Protein backbone atom coordinates (compact mmCIF):
# COMPACT_ATOMS: atom_id res chain seq x y z
CA MET A 1 -6.93 11.76 21.48
CA LYS A 2 -7.34 8.94 19.06
CA LEU A 3 -4.99 9.35 16.02
CA VAL A 4 -6.11 7.33 13.00
CA ARG A 5 -4.80 6.59 9.48
CA TYR A 6 -7.62 6.08 7.04
CA THR A 7 -8.70 6.06 3.46
CA HIS A 8 -11.67 7.99 2.10
CA ASP A 9 -12.57 8.45 -1.50
CA GLY A 10 -9.36 6.83 -2.55
CA VAL A 11 -7.14 9.14 -0.50
CA THR A 12 -5.15 7.95 2.56
CA THR A 13 -4.44 10.47 5.31
CA ILE A 14 -4.29 10.81 9.06
CA GLY A 15 -6.82 12.25 11.34
CA ALA A 16 -8.41 12.27 14.74
CA VAL A 17 -11.50 10.39 15.80
CA ASP A 18 -14.15 12.47 17.52
CA GLY A 19 -17.18 10.32 18.44
CA ASP A 20 -18.47 8.80 15.12
CA ARG A 21 -16.58 11.05 12.78
CA VAL A 22 -13.06 11.46 11.66
CA VAL A 23 -11.41 14.86 11.14
CA ALA A 24 -8.38 15.12 8.82
CA LEU A 25 -5.45 16.70 10.69
CA LYS A 26 -4.47 18.72 7.60
CA VAL A 27 -7.98 20.35 7.79
CA LEU A 28 -7.35 21.17 11.32
CA ASP A 29 -3.85 22.48 10.80
CA PRO A 30 -2.29 22.66 7.41
CA SER A 31 1.16 22.60 9.01
CA ALA A 32 0.42 19.34 10.78
CA PRO A 33 2.73 16.45 10.13
CA ALA A 34 1.72 13.78 7.52
CA SER A 35 2.37 10.70 9.69
CA ILE A 36 1.20 9.74 13.23
CA ARG A 37 4.90 8.97 14.10
CA ASP A 38 5.76 12.61 13.41
CA VAL A 39 2.77 13.86 15.27
CA LEU A 40 3.82 12.02 18.42
CA ALA A 41 7.44 13.10 17.96
CA ALA A 42 6.32 16.74 17.79
CA GLY A 43 5.23 16.47 21.48
CA PRO A 44 2.41 17.42 23.78
CA THR A 45 2.14 21.07 22.60
CA LEU A 46 0.99 20.00 19.11
CA LEU A 47 -1.30 17.38 20.48
CA ARG A 48 -3.09 19.84 22.76
CA ARG A 49 -3.46 22.29 19.88
CA LEU A 50 -4.88 19.55 17.72
CA GLU A 51 -7.22 18.27 20.40
CA GLN A 52 -8.74 21.71 20.75
CA ALA A 53 -9.06 22.04 17.02
CA VAL A 54 -10.90 18.82 16.92
CA ARG A 55 -13.41 19.98 19.42
CA ASP A 56 -14.01 23.15 17.48
CA ALA A 57 -14.14 21.55 14.05
CA LYS A 58 -17.46 21.64 12.13
CA ASP A 59 -16.36 19.35 9.41
CA GLY A 60 -15.60 15.62 9.44
CA VAL A 61 -16.33 12.30 7.74
CA PRO A 62 -18.53 9.63 9.42
CA LEU A 63 -16.31 6.85 10.72
CA ALA A 64 -18.49 4.29 9.11
CA ARG A 65 -17.53 5.70 5.65
CA VAL A 66 -13.77 5.36 5.92
CA LYS A 67 -11.43 2.41 5.73
CA LEU A 68 -9.15 2.22 8.80
CA GLU A 69 -5.54 1.47 7.89
CA ALA A 70 -2.64 0.42 10.13
CA PRO A 71 -1.83 3.71 12.12
CA ILE A 72 1.87 3.30 11.77
CA PRO A 73 2.60 1.12 8.70
CA ASP A 74 6.28 1.96 8.40
CA ALA A 75 7.54 1.46 11.90
CA ARG A 76 11.27 1.08 12.16
CA LYS A 77 10.97 -1.51 14.97
CA TYR A 78 8.35 -3.96 16.04
CA LEU A 79 9.50 -5.52 19.22
CA ALA A 80 7.47 -8.26 21.18
CA ILE A 81 8.05 -9.91 24.58
CA GLY A 82 7.16 -13.54 25.14
CA MET A 83 5.54 -15.27 28.02
CA ASN A 84 4.85 -12.10 29.92
CA TYR A 85 1.53 -13.20 31.70
CA GLN A 86 1.90 -15.77 34.34
CA ASP A 87 -1.03 -17.97 33.08
CA HIS A 88 0.42 -17.96 29.56
CA ALA A 89 3.92 -18.87 31.00
CA ASP A 90 2.34 -21.69 32.91
CA GLU A 91 0.58 -23.14 29.93
CA ALA A 92 3.90 -22.99 28.02
CA ALA A 93 5.71 -24.79 30.87
CA ARG A 94 3.03 -27.57 30.77
CA ALA A 95 3.78 -27.97 27.11
CA GLY A 96 7.46 -28.51 27.96
CA ILE A 97 8.65 -25.00 26.83
CA THR A 98 11.31 -23.55 29.08
CA VAL A 99 10.16 -20.29 30.73
CA PRO A 100 13.00 -17.85 30.77
CA ALA A 101 14.29 -16.28 34.00
CA HIS A 102 14.59 -12.93 32.18
CA GLN A 103 12.59 -10.92 29.68
CA LEU A 104 12.21 -12.81 26.34
CA TRP A 105 12.34 -10.46 23.35
CA PHE A 106 11.98 -11.11 19.64
CA ASN A 107 11.29 -9.12 16.50
CA LYS A 108 8.18 -9.11 14.42
CA GLN A 109 9.56 -7.92 10.99
CA VAL A 110 7.80 -4.61 10.12
CA SER A 111 6.67 -6.07 6.79
CA CYS A 112 4.15 -8.09 8.71
CA ILE A 113 2.15 -4.99 9.79
CA THR A 114 -1.46 -4.80 8.37
CA GLY A 115 -4.58 -2.93 9.02
CA PRO A 116 -7.05 -3.52 11.83
CA PHE A 117 -9.77 -4.99 9.61
CA ASP A 118 -7.66 -6.44 6.82
CA PRO A 119 -7.39 -10.13 6.08
CA ILE A 120 -4.70 -12.15 7.76
CA VAL A 121 -3.30 -14.81 5.46
CA LYS A 122 -2.81 -18.46 6.37
CA PRO A 123 0.53 -19.37 4.72
CA ARG A 124 0.70 -22.32 2.45
CA VAL A 125 3.74 -23.50 4.40
CA SER A 126 2.12 -23.45 7.91
CA ASP A 127 -0.57 -25.64 9.47
CA LYS A 128 -0.30 -24.10 12.90
CA MET A 129 -1.48 -20.42 12.64
CA ASP A 130 -2.21 -18.98 15.92
CA TYR A 131 -3.56 -15.83 17.62
CA GLU A 132 -2.27 -13.74 20.55
CA ALA A 133 -4.23 -10.82 21.92
CA GLU A 134 -1.81 -8.11 23.14
CA MET A 135 -1.75 -4.45 24.11
CA GLY A 136 0.61 -2.40 21.93
CA VAL A 137 2.66 0.55 22.93
CA VAL A 138 4.09 3.19 20.58
CA ILE A 139 7.14 5.14 21.63
CA GLY A 140 6.86 8.93 21.31
CA LYS A 141 10.44 10.06 21.97
CA HIS A 142 14.03 9.29 21.05
CA CYS A 143 15.45 7.70 24.16
CA ARG A 144 18.16 5.47 25.63
CA TYR A 145 18.89 4.21 29.11
CA VAL A 146 15.43 5.03 30.38
CA SER A 147 14.71 4.32 34.00
CA VAL A 148 11.56 2.41 34.99
CA GLU A 149 10.41 5.67 36.75
CA ASP A 150 10.88 7.70 33.50
CA ALA A 151 9.52 5.13 31.14
CA PRO A 152 5.93 6.64 31.13
CA SER A 153 7.29 9.90 29.73
CA VAL A 154 8.50 8.26 26.48
CA VAL A 155 5.26 6.59 25.62
CA GLY A 156 3.41 8.19 22.74
CA GLY A 157 0.19 5.98 22.90
CA TYR A 158 -1.37 2.57 22.87
CA PHE A 159 -3.05 0.27 20.37
CA VAL A 160 -4.68 -3.12 20.08
CA ALA A 161 -2.56 -5.91 18.51
CA ASN A 162 -2.75 -9.50 17.41
CA ASP A 163 0.58 -11.21 17.48
CA VAL A 164 -0.38 -13.74 14.82
CA THR A 165 2.07 -16.63 14.87
CA ALA A 166 2.90 -19.60 12.78
CA ARG A 167 3.85 -22.04 15.61
CA ASP A 168 5.49 -24.62 13.37
CA TRP A 169 7.92 -21.92 12.17
CA GLN A 170 8.25 -20.36 15.57
CA PHE A 171 9.65 -23.54 17.13
CA ARG A 172 11.80 -24.83 14.15
CA SER A 173 14.78 -22.64 15.36
CA PRO A 174 15.90 -21.18 18.72
CA THR A 175 14.65 -17.70 17.77
CA PHE A 176 10.99 -16.82 17.20
CA THR A 177 11.37 -14.22 14.45
CA LEU A 178 10.38 -16.33 11.38
CA GLY A 179 7.23 -17.72 13.09
CA LYS A 180 6.25 -14.19 14.09
CA SER A 181 6.90 -12.42 10.83
CA PHE A 182 4.76 -13.79 8.06
CA ASP A 183 3.11 -11.24 5.81
CA THR A 184 -0.16 -9.76 7.30
CA HIS A 185 0.63 -11.36 10.70
CA GLY A 186 0.84 -7.97 12.40
CA PRO A 187 -2.64 -6.46 12.46
CA ILE A 188 -2.59 -3.29 14.65
CA GLY A 189 -5.13 -0.40 15.34
CA PRO A 190 -7.81 0.60 15.14
CA TRP A 191 -5.98 3.92 16.04
CA ILE A 192 -3.25 5.17 18.36
CA THR A 193 -4.80 6.27 21.74
CA THR A 194 -2.54 8.97 22.93
CA ALA A 195 -0.90 8.27 26.36
CA ASP A 196 -2.60 11.18 28.14
CA GLU A 197 -6.00 9.40 27.76
CA ILE A 198 -4.90 6.23 29.63
CA ALA A 199 -4.10 6.87 33.22
CA ASP A 200 -3.12 3.29 34.06
CA PRO A 201 -2.34 1.04 31.10
CA HIS A 202 -2.01 -1.94 33.54
CA ALA A 203 -5.71 -1.83 34.47
CA LEU A 204 -7.44 -2.61 31.08
CA GLN A 205 -9.49 -5.64 30.16
CA MET A 206 -8.25 -7.48 27.05
CA LYS A 207 -10.30 -10.03 25.27
CA LEU A 208 -10.08 -12.18 22.09
CA TRP A 209 -12.81 -14.09 20.25
CA VAL A 210 -12.62 -16.47 17.32
CA ASN A 211 -15.89 -16.76 15.43
CA GLY A 212 -17.63 -15.20 18.43
CA GLU A 213 -16.28 -17.75 20.90
CA LEU A 214 -14.37 -16.03 23.74
CA ARG A 215 -10.87 -17.64 23.82
CA GLN A 216 -8.70 -15.16 25.78
CA SER A 217 -9.63 -12.76 28.71
CA ALA A 218 -7.35 -11.01 31.04
CA SER A 219 -6.42 -7.72 32.62
CA THR A 220 -3.31 -6.04 31.40
CA GLY A 221 -2.41 -5.90 35.07
CA GLY A 222 -1.39 -9.60 34.72
CA MET A 223 1.91 -8.77 33.09
CA ILE A 224 4.96 -10.22 34.72
CA TYR A 225 7.03 -7.37 33.45
CA SER A 226 5.36 -3.95 33.35
CA ILE A 227 5.40 -1.75 30.32
CA TRP A 228 7.84 0.52 32.24
CA GLU A 229 10.17 -2.37 32.90
CA GLN A 230 9.99 -3.51 29.27
CA ILE A 231 10.98 -0.10 28.03
CA HIS A 232 13.81 0.16 30.58
CA GLU A 233 15.16 -3.22 29.41
CA LEU A 234 15.01 -2.43 25.70
CA SER A 235 16.54 0.95 26.11
CA GLN A 236 19.57 -0.56 27.72
CA VAL A 237 20.39 -2.22 24.38
CA MET A 238 19.12 0.15 21.63
CA THR A 239 17.79 3.69 21.00
CA LEU A 240 14.07 3.64 20.94
CA GLU A 241 12.55 6.16 18.44
CA PRO A 242 9.16 7.71 17.81
CA GLY A 243 6.92 5.20 16.05
CA ASP A 244 8.61 2.10 17.44
CA LEU A 245 6.11 -0.52 18.33
CA ILE A 246 6.19 -2.87 21.34
CA ALA A 247 3.76 -5.80 21.88
CA THR A 248 3.49 -6.33 25.57
CA GLY A 249 2.64 -10.06 25.87
CA THR A 250 -0.43 -12.32 25.67
CA CYS A 251 -2.46 -14.22 28.30
CA ALA A 252 -3.44 -17.87 28.52
CA ASN A 253 -5.55 -19.91 26.05
CA VAL A 254 -3.65 -19.37 22.83
CA GLY A 255 -4.70 -21.79 20.11
CA ILE A 256 -1.71 -24.18 20.49
CA ALA A 257 -2.59 -24.75 24.14
CA LEU A 258 -6.22 -25.53 23.21
CA GLY A 259 -5.33 -27.49 20.08
CA LYS A 260 -7.34 -25.09 17.98
CA PHE A 261 -5.43 -23.42 15.04
CA LEU A 262 -6.80 -20.78 12.82
CA GLN A 263 -8.28 -21.79 9.49
CA PRO A 264 -9.44 -19.82 6.43
CA GLY A 265 -12.72 -18.12 7.09
CA ASP A 266 -12.09 -17.70 10.79
CA ALA A 267 -12.86 -14.26 12.23
CA VAL A 268 -10.53 -13.11 15.09
CA LYS A 269 -11.51 -10.15 17.17
CA VAL A 270 -9.26 -8.52 19.78
CA GLU A 271 -10.63 -5.80 22.09
CA ILE A 272 -9.06 -3.82 24.76
CA GLU A 273 -10.88 -1.60 27.07
CA ARG A 274 -10.61 2.16 26.12
CA LEU A 275 -8.44 1.31 23.12
CA GLY A 276 -11.04 -0.13 20.76
CA HIS A 277 -10.96 -3.37 18.86
CA ILE A 278 -9.51 -4.94 15.63
CA GLU A 279 -11.02 -7.83 13.70
CA ASN A 280 -9.39 -9.81 10.99
CA THR A 281 -10.60 -12.65 8.85
CA VAL A 282 -8.25 -15.57 8.03
CA ALA A 283 -7.70 -15.85 4.23
CA ALA A 284 -6.00 -18.76 2.44
CA GLU A 285 -2.82 -17.82 0.65
CA PRO A 286 -3.30 -18.06 -3.17
CA ALA A 287 -1.57 -21.04 -4.76
């Protein structure tokens, strides 16, 4: 099922995408939770019931008439792994960046989250705004000390992400957080595709275009550390909760490697097979 947060006629709610229409969950089931995080936390029984209700529903709003919003705008954590595709690690090494021997984790502050088709703002204080196509994972259960083998059972779903980065701020200190956390630099969406729909998340094609020019293209099978290994690693340190977001890494040909940084007016599209696409236009920050 594709769980979506959307605005229609001035009202923002959550629903399920069925073909070219959206059905509000509260129409399907008045007792349904009000957030996608809580829907995922409720577990598979509710999801199966809602899925059947979507198939039976006669009502709905055309997808073209709604504004898609960030599906989980108030995540408690947004964690991201760096240099997790070999080709991207290789281009980093060629640029003189030390490639770590272990998983490299950083935070994207949750205030950076924005919608799948909202503008992304080029900060006044950065001249090196960059893109990173990434597959996102949303946690569906409270969990700690998760084994690699059990990790699939705690995944609630998947989404498309662009880990927008201000490179000049990323590298001005030993930690990446500031360069990864500017407002609007966390577009996610277009919806959450529930885990049961994706048999193998490591076999999906991922692509990114800037103004129609293909810049990045890879299979998610190119990850150095699998999603399951990432969840295992994180859960050794912290409790993972429903709605927590994980960005699983990007592939080669980021802007800094090509010498092509984003400018106002640029349109950046990220598409992942079976998960949909997001597209964001770069806007100049007002003076």
